[in-house]
N, C-alpha and C. Protein backbone atom coordinates (compact mmCIF):
# COMPACT_ATOMS: atom_id res chain seq x y z
N MET A 1 250.34 291.74 41.11
CA MET A 1 251.78 291.84 41.16
C MET A 1 252.15 292.80 42.29
N ASN A 2 252.97 292.33 43.20
CA ASN A 2 253.37 293.13 44.36
C ASN A 2 254.70 293.82 44.08
N LEU A 3 254.67 295.14 43.93
CA LEU A 3 255.88 295.90 43.64
C LEU A 3 256.33 296.75 44.83
N GLU A 4 255.91 296.37 46.03
CA GLU A 4 256.26 297.15 47.21
C GLU A 4 257.72 297.00 47.62
N TRP A 5 258.44 296.03 47.05
CA TRP A 5 259.84 295.80 47.41
C TRP A 5 260.75 296.91 46.89
N MET A 6 260.25 297.71 45.94
CA MET A 6 261.09 298.77 45.38
C MET A 6 260.39 300.12 45.56
N ALA A 7 261.17 301.14 45.81
CA ALA A 7 260.62 302.48 45.97
C ALA A 7 260.34 303.08 44.60
N TRP A 8 259.13 302.88 44.10
CA TRP A 8 258.78 303.37 42.77
C TRP A 8 258.38 304.83 42.85
N THR A 9 259.37 305.69 42.88
CA THR A 9 259.13 307.12 42.85
C THR A 9 258.97 307.53 41.39
N PRO A 10 258.46 308.70 41.13
CA PRO A 10 258.37 309.17 39.74
C PRO A 10 259.73 309.19 39.03
N VAL A 11 260.80 309.54 39.76
CA VAL A 11 262.13 309.57 39.15
C VAL A 11 262.58 308.16 38.77
N THR A 12 262.34 307.18 39.65
CA THR A 12 262.70 305.79 39.36
C THR A 12 261.91 305.27 38.17
N ALA A 13 260.63 305.52 38.15
CA ALA A 13 259.79 305.07 37.04
C ALA A 13 260.22 305.75 35.74
N GLY A 14 260.55 307.03 35.80
CA GLY A 14 261.02 307.75 34.62
C GLY A 14 262.32 307.19 34.09
N PHE A 15 263.23 306.84 35.00
CA PHE A 15 264.51 306.26 34.60
C PHE A 15 264.31 304.96 33.84
N PHE A 16 263.54 304.05 34.41
CA PHE A 16 263.32 302.77 33.75
C PHE A 16 262.51 302.92 32.46
N THR A 17 261.59 303.85 32.44
CA THR A 17 260.82 304.12 31.22
C THR A 17 261.75 304.62 30.12
N PHE A 18 262.67 305.51 30.47
CA PHE A 18 263.63 306.04 29.49
C PHE A 18 264.52 304.93 28.94
N ILE A 19 264.99 304.02 29.79
CA ILE A 19 265.83 302.91 29.34
C ILE A 19 265.05 302.02 28.38
N VAL A 20 263.81 301.69 28.73
CA VAL A 20 262.98 300.84 27.86
C VAL A 20 262.73 301.54 26.52
N LEU A 21 262.44 302.83 26.54
CA LEU A 21 262.21 303.57 25.29
C LEU A 21 263.47 303.62 24.43
N MET A 22 264.64 303.74 25.07
CA MET A 22 265.89 303.72 24.31
C MET A 22 266.10 302.36 23.65
N LEU A 23 265.81 301.29 24.37
CA LEU A 23 265.97 299.95 23.79
C LEU A 23 264.98 299.71 22.65
N ILE A 24 263.75 300.17 22.81
CA ILE A 24 262.76 300.04 21.73
C ILE A 24 263.21 300.85 20.52
N GLY A 25 263.67 302.08 20.75
CA GLY A 25 264.16 302.92 19.66
C GLY A 25 265.35 302.30 18.94
N MET A 26 266.29 301.72 19.70
CA MET A 26 267.44 301.07 19.08
C MET A 26 267.02 299.85 18.27
N THR A 27 266.02 299.11 18.75
CA THR A 27 265.53 297.95 18.01
C THR A 27 264.90 298.37 16.69
N ILE A 28 264.07 299.41 16.73
CA ILE A 28 263.44 299.91 15.50
C ILE A 28 264.51 300.42 14.54
N TRP A 29 265.49 301.15 15.05
CA TRP A 29 266.58 301.67 14.23
C TRP A 29 267.36 300.53 13.58
N GLU A 30 267.58 299.45 14.33
CA GLU A 30 268.31 298.30 13.79
C GLU A 30 267.52 297.61 12.68
N VAL A 31 266.20 297.52 12.84
CA VAL A 31 265.37 296.89 11.80
C VAL A 31 265.35 297.75 10.54
N VAL A 32 265.22 299.06 10.70
CA VAL A 32 265.15 299.97 9.56
C VAL A 32 266.51 300.10 8.87
N SER A 33 267.57 300.21 9.66
CA SER A 33 268.91 300.41 9.11
C SER A 33 269.89 299.52 9.88
N PRO A 34 270.17 298.32 9.38
CA PRO A 34 271.09 297.41 10.09
C PRO A 34 272.45 298.07 10.35
N THR A 35 272.98 297.79 11.51
CA THR A 35 274.22 298.42 11.94
C THR A 35 275.44 297.82 11.22
N VAL A 36 276.45 298.64 11.11
CA VAL A 36 277.73 298.21 10.55
C VAL A 36 278.77 298.48 11.64
N ALA A 37 279.53 297.46 11.98
CA ALA A 37 280.57 297.65 12.99
C ALA A 37 281.59 298.66 12.48
N ARG A 38 282.01 299.55 13.37
CA ARG A 38 282.99 300.56 12.98
C ARG A 38 283.92 300.83 14.14
N ARG A 39 284.99 301.51 13.83
CA ARG A 39 285.98 301.83 14.84
C ARG A 39 286.08 303.35 14.96
N GLY A 40 285.76 303.84 16.14
CA GLY A 40 285.88 305.26 16.43
C GLY A 40 287.08 305.48 17.34
N PHE A 41 286.95 306.37 18.32
CA PHE A 41 288.06 306.62 19.23
C PHE A 41 288.18 305.56 20.32
N LEU A 42 287.14 304.72 20.49
CA LEU A 42 287.24 303.61 21.44
C LEU A 42 288.23 302.58 20.89
N PRO A 43 288.95 301.89 21.76
CA PRO A 43 289.98 300.97 21.28
C PRO A 43 289.45 299.61 20.81
N LEU A 44 288.23 299.57 20.32
CA LEU A 44 287.66 298.34 19.81
C LEU A 44 286.62 298.65 18.75
N THR A 45 286.32 297.68 17.91
CA THR A 45 285.29 297.84 16.90
C THR A 45 283.94 297.63 17.56
N THR A 46 283.01 298.57 17.34
CA THR A 46 281.72 298.51 18.03
C THR A 46 280.56 298.69 17.07
N THR A 47 279.40 298.21 17.50
CA THR A 47 278.14 298.45 16.81
C THR A 47 277.37 299.48 17.62
N ARG A 48 276.21 299.90 17.11
CA ARG A 48 275.37 300.85 17.84
C ARG A 48 275.01 300.32 19.23
N GLY A 49 274.63 299.06 19.28
CA GLY A 49 274.24 298.45 20.56
C GLY A 49 275.39 298.41 21.55
N ASP A 50 276.59 298.11 21.06
CA ASP A 50 277.77 298.12 21.93
C ASP A 50 278.00 299.51 22.51
N ARG A 51 277.90 300.52 21.66
CA ARG A 51 278.12 301.89 22.13
C ARG A 51 277.05 302.33 23.11
N LEU A 52 275.80 301.89 22.91
CA LEU A 52 274.74 302.20 23.87
C LEU A 52 275.04 301.55 25.21
N PHE A 53 275.45 300.29 25.20
CA PHE A 53 275.77 299.58 26.44
C PHE A 53 276.93 300.27 27.16
N ILE A 54 277.98 300.62 26.43
CA ILE A 54 279.12 301.33 27.03
C ILE A 54 278.67 302.67 27.61
N SER A 55 277.79 303.36 26.91
CA SER A 55 277.28 304.65 27.39
C SER A 55 276.46 304.49 28.67
N LEU A 56 275.62 303.46 28.72
CA LEU A 56 274.81 303.24 29.92
C LEU A 56 275.69 302.88 31.12
N LEU A 57 276.68 302.02 30.90
CA LEU A 57 277.60 301.69 32.00
C LEU A 57 278.37 302.92 32.46
N GLY A 58 278.89 303.68 31.51
CA GLY A 58 279.62 304.90 31.85
C GLY A 58 278.75 305.90 32.60
N SER A 59 277.51 306.02 32.18
CA SER A 59 276.58 306.94 32.85
C SER A 59 276.32 306.50 34.29
N ALA A 60 276.22 305.20 34.50
CA ALA A 60 276.02 304.70 35.87
C ALA A 60 277.24 305.05 36.73
N TYR A 61 278.44 304.87 36.19
CA TYR A 61 279.65 305.20 36.95
C TYR A 61 279.77 306.70 37.18
N ILE A 62 279.38 307.50 36.22
CA ILE A 62 279.39 308.96 36.39
C ILE A 62 278.49 309.35 37.56
N HIS A 63 277.28 308.78 37.60
CA HIS A 63 276.35 309.10 38.69
C HIS A 63 276.85 308.59 40.04
N LEU A 64 277.40 307.38 40.07
CA LEU A 64 277.93 306.85 41.34
C LEU A 64 279.07 307.71 41.86
N ALA A 65 279.98 308.09 40.98
CA ALA A 65 281.10 308.93 41.39
C ALA A 65 280.59 310.30 41.84
N TRP A 66 279.62 310.83 41.11
CA TRP A 66 279.08 312.15 41.46
C TRP A 66 278.46 312.15 42.86
N VAL A 67 277.64 311.13 43.12
CA VAL A 67 276.98 311.05 44.42
C VAL A 67 278.00 310.80 45.53
N GLY A 68 279.02 309.99 45.24
CA GLY A 68 280.00 309.65 46.26
C GLY A 68 281.05 310.72 46.52
N LEU A 69 281.35 311.55 45.53
CA LEU A 69 282.47 312.48 45.65
C LEU A 69 282.09 313.95 45.74
N THR A 70 280.84 314.30 45.41
CA THR A 70 280.47 315.71 45.43
C THR A 70 279.19 315.91 46.25
N THR A 71 278.90 317.16 46.49
CA THR A 71 277.64 317.50 47.16
C THR A 71 276.73 318.31 46.24
N PHE A 72 277.12 318.40 44.97
CA PHE A 72 276.31 319.13 43.99
C PHE A 72 275.07 318.33 43.63
N PRO A 73 274.05 318.97 43.07
CA PRO A 73 272.82 318.26 42.69
C PRO A 73 273.09 317.18 41.63
N VAL A 74 272.32 316.12 41.69
CA VAL A 74 272.50 314.98 40.80
C VAL A 74 272.15 315.34 39.35
N TRP A 75 271.30 316.32 39.14
CA TRP A 75 270.92 316.67 37.77
C TRP A 75 272.13 317.14 36.96
N VAL A 76 273.16 317.66 37.63
CA VAL A 76 274.38 318.04 36.93
C VAL A 76 275.07 316.79 36.37
N ALA A 77 275.10 315.73 37.15
CA ALA A 77 275.67 314.45 36.69
C ALA A 77 274.86 313.91 35.52
N THR A 78 273.55 314.11 35.54
CA THR A 78 272.71 313.64 34.45
C THR A 78 273.06 314.37 33.15
N ILE A 79 273.30 315.67 33.24
CA ILE A 79 273.70 316.43 32.05
C ILE A 79 275.04 315.93 31.53
N ILE A 80 275.98 315.67 32.42
CA ILE A 80 277.28 315.13 32.02
C ILE A 80 277.11 313.76 31.38
N ALA A 81 276.25 312.92 31.96
CA ALA A 81 276.02 311.58 31.43
C ALA A 81 275.37 311.62 30.04
N VAL A 82 274.44 312.55 29.82
CA VAL A 82 273.81 312.68 28.50
C VAL A 82 274.85 313.13 27.48
N CYS A 83 275.72 314.06 27.85
CA CYS A 83 276.80 314.48 26.94
C CYS A 83 277.72 313.31 26.64
N PHE A 84 278.04 312.51 27.65
CA PHE A 84 278.87 311.32 27.48
C PHE A 84 278.22 310.35 26.50
N LEU A 85 276.91 310.13 26.67
CA LEU A 85 276.17 309.23 25.78
C LEU A 85 276.23 309.73 24.34
N ILE A 86 276.01 311.00 24.13
CA ILE A 86 276.05 311.58 22.78
C ILE A 86 277.43 311.42 22.16
N ILE A 87 278.48 311.68 22.92
CA ILE A 87 279.84 311.57 22.41
C ILE A 87 280.17 310.12 22.03
N ILE A 88 279.82 309.19 22.90
CA ILE A 88 280.11 307.77 22.63
C ILE A 88 279.30 307.28 21.43
N MET A 89 278.03 307.64 21.36
CA MET A 89 277.19 307.16 20.26
C MET A 89 277.64 307.77 18.92
N ARG A 90 278.12 308.99 18.93
CA ARG A 90 278.48 309.67 17.68
C ARG A 90 279.90 309.33 17.22
N TRP A 91 280.87 309.44 18.14
CA TRP A 91 282.25 309.29 17.74
C TRP A 91 282.97 308.08 18.34
N GLY A 92 282.30 307.35 19.21
CA GLY A 92 282.94 306.19 19.88
C GLY A 92 283.04 305.07 19.00
C-alpha cells in the first residue's frame, strides 16, 4: 500500500488514530447502553452520535478559524475544541 500521497507526520497519525478510537468507543457505548434522543440547548433533538458529529465539525471550524485569523499556537485551538466537544456532548 503506497501512502506517500499524504504527509503522515506523527501529529496527522495521532489525529486519525484519535478519531478512530472515538468512533470505536462510541460504538461500544451504543452497544452497552443504547442512546435515547434528547433535546439540550441545541435547536434539534439529537443522539450521542449526532452530538459527536456536530462536535467534530465544530472543532474543524474552530481550528480553521484559528489558523486563518490568529498567529497563536494551534494547541490553544485544540484546547478550545476539546472544551467545545465536552460541552456539546454533555449539554447539547
